[in-house]
Amino acid sequence: DDWARERIERRQKDELIRYRELAPHAELAVPASEHFDPLLFALGASEESDSTEQLSSGFRYQNLSLASFAFVRNGKR
């Protein structure tokens, strides 16, 4: 969770795209890409000037991340 959050906040798109190679324990954290791909689409649709806001955090069942983010343009979600 920390690995992804840090890269989302820094808008490190290339590293996020390569999460299978770069993220620690990626196979365990993201067993199926359909759970991670929407983040890449949203990040790709955002603009570099957009701010990043974490909307929720935490875990359920000790291994299911509840993290969600918004890319905010001109102060509007």
C-alpha atoms as a PDB file:
ATOM      1  CA  ASP A   1       0.000   0.000   0.000  1.00  0.00           C
ATOM      2  CA  ASP A   2       2.779   2.444   0.901  1.00  0.00           C
ATOM      3  CA  TRP A   3       4.672   1.674  -2.315  1.00  0.00           C
ATOM      4  CA  ALA A   4       1.654   2.490  -4.501  1.00  0.00           C
ATOM      5  CA  ARG A   5       0.565   5.516  -2.430  1.00  0.00           C
ATOM      6  CA  GLU A   6       3.999   7.128  -2.663  1.00  0.00           C
ATOM      7  CA  ARG A   7       4.088   6.690  -6.435  1.00  0.00           C
ATOM      8  CA  ILE A   8       0.524   7.909  -6.878  1.00  0.00           C
ATOM      9  CA  GLU A   9       1.246  11.058  -4.858  1.00  0.00           C
ATOM     10  CA  ARG A  10       4.450  11.663  -6.862  1.00  0.00           C
ATOM     11  CA  ARG A  11       2.643  10.813 -10.136  1.00  0.00           C
ATOM     12  CA  GLN A  12       5.298   8.253 -11.052  1.00  0.00           C
ATOM     13  CA  LYS A  13       3.275   6.734 -13.870  1.00  0.00           C
ATOM     14  CA  ASP A  14       6.079   4.656 -15.364  1.00  0.00           C
ATOM     15  CA  GLU A  15       6.778   2.915 -12.066  1.00  0.00           C
ATOM     16  CA  LEU A  16       3.082   2.271 -11.440  1.00  0.00           C
ATOM     17  CA  ILE A  17       2.706   0.745 -14.901  1.00  0.00           C
ATOM     18  CA  ARG A  18       5.627  -1.566 -14.084  1.00  0.00           C
ATOM     19  CA  TYR A  19       4.277  -2.496 -10.627  1.00  0.00           C
ATOM     20  CA  ARG A  20       4.581  -6.239 -11.369  1.00  0.00           C
ATOM     21  CA  GLU A  21       8.353  -5.807 -11.723  1.00  0.00           C
ATOM     22  CA  LEU A  22       8.971  -3.084  -9.136  1.00  0.00           C
ATOM     23  CA  ALA A  23       6.483  -3.367  -6.271  1.00  0.00           C
ATOM     24  CA  PRO A  24       7.388  -5.610  -3.358  1.00  0.00           C
ATOM     25  CA  HIS A  25       5.194  -8.728  -3.250  1.00  0.00           C
ATOM     26  CA  ALA A  26       3.207  -7.569  -6.297  1.00  0.00           C
ATOM     27  CA  GLU A  27       1.899 -11.072  -7.039  1.00  0.00           C
ATOM     28  CA  LEU A  28       0.385 -11.299  -3.565  1.00  0.00           C
ATOM     29  CA  ALA A  29      -0.807  -7.698  -3.397  1.00  0.00           C
ATOM     30  CA  VAL A  30      -2.432  -7.688  -6.852  1.00  0.00           C
ATOM     31  CA  PRO A  31      -3.271 -11.272  -7.861  1.00  0.00           C
ATOM     32  CA  ALA A  32      -5.402 -10.060 -10.801  1.00  0.00           C
ATOM     33  CA  SER A  33      -4.647  -6.880 -12.741  1.00  0.00           C
ATOM     34  CA  GLU A  34      -8.314  -5.845 -13.012  1.00  0.00           C
ATOM     35  CA  HIS A  35      -8.048  -4.630  -9.432  1.00  0.00           C
ATOM     36  CA  PHE A  36      -5.145  -2.291 -10.240  1.00  0.00           C
ATOM     37  CA  ASP A  37      -5.811  -1.292 -13.861  1.00  0.00           C
ATOM     38  CA  PRO A  38      -8.560   1.283 -13.064  1.00  0.00           C
ATOM     39  CA  LEU A  39      -5.977   3.289 -11.121  1.00  0.00           C
ATOM     40  CA  LEU A  40      -3.788   3.444 -14.223  1.00  0.00           C
ATOM     41  CA  PHE A  41      -6.711   4.610 -16.377  1.00  0.00           C
ATOM     42  CA  ALA A  42      -7.657   7.338 -13.884  1.00  0.00           C
ATOM     43  CA  LEU A  43      -4.056   8.468 -13.511  1.00  0.00           C
ATOM     44  CA  GLY A  44      -3.641   8.515 -17.284  1.00  0.00           C
ATOM     45  CA  ALA A  45      -6.776  10.643 -17.680  1.00  0.00           C
ATOM     46  CA  SER A  46      -5.575  13.146 -15.087  1.00  0.00           C
ATOM     47  CA  GLU A  47      -3.378  16.128 -15.862  1.00  0.00           C
ATOM     48  CA  GLU A  48       0.050  16.804 -14.385  1.00  0.00           C
ATOM     49  CA  SER A  49      -1.333  19.913 -12.676  1.00  0.00           C
ATOM     50  CA  ASP A  50      -4.068  17.938 -10.873  1.00  0.00           C
ATOM     51  CA  SER A  51      -3.569  17.415  -7.169  1.00  0.00           C
ATOM     52  CA  THR A  52      -3.892  13.992  -5.588  1.00  0.00           C
ATOM     53  CA  GLU A  53      -6.204  13.411  -2.645  1.00  0.00           C
ATOM     54  CA  GLN A  54      -6.401  10.158  -0.704  1.00  0.00           C
ATOM     55  CA  LEU A  55     -10.082   9.533   0.027  1.00  0.00           C
ATOM     56  CA  SER A  56      -9.816   6.396   2.135  1.00  0.00           C
ATOM     57  CA  SER A  57      -7.198   4.104   3.612  1.00  0.00           C
ATOM     58  CA  GLY A  58      -6.899   1.050   5.787  1.00  0.00           C
ATOM     59  CA  PHE A  59      -7.310  -2.677   5.326  1.00  0.00           C
ATOM     60  CA  ARG A  60     -10.045  -5.254   5.602  1.00  0.00           C
ATOM     61  CA  TYR A  61      -9.303  -8.884   6.446  1.00  0.00           C
ATOM     62  CA  GLN A  62      -5.687  -7.792   7.095  1.00  0.00           C
ATOM     63  CA  ASN A  63      -4.829  -7.981   3.380  1.00  0.00           C
ATOM     64  CA  LEU A  64      -7.440  -6.072   1.332  1.00  0.00           C
ATOM     65  CA  SER A  65      -6.472  -2.432   0.864  1.00  0.00           C
ATOM     66  CA  LEU A  66      -9.268   0.116   1.059  1.00  0.00           C
ATOM     67  CA  ALA A  67      -7.116   2.908  -0.380  1.00  0.00           C
ATOM     68  CA  SER A  68      -8.810   5.163  -2.908  1.00  0.00           C
ATOM     69  CA  PHE A  69      -7.615   8.365  -4.525  1.00  0.00           C
ATOM     70  CA  ALA A  70      -9.048  11.326  -6.421  1.00  0.00           C
ATOM     71  CA  PHE A  71      -7.210  13.435  -8.953  1.00  0.00           C
ATOM     72  CA  VAL A  72      -8.484  16.947  -8.320  1.00  0.00           C
ATOM     73  CA  ARG A  73      -8.531  19.590 -11.041  1.00  0.00           C
ATOM     74  CA  ASN A  74      -8.821  23.245 -10.024  1.00  0.00           C
ATOM     75  CA  GLY A  75      -9.932  22.262  -6.529  1.00  0.00           C
ATOM     76  CA  LYS A  76     -12.937  20.288  -7.850  1.00  0.00           C
ATOM     77  CA  ARG A  77     -13.426  16.528  -7.650  1.00  0.00           C
END
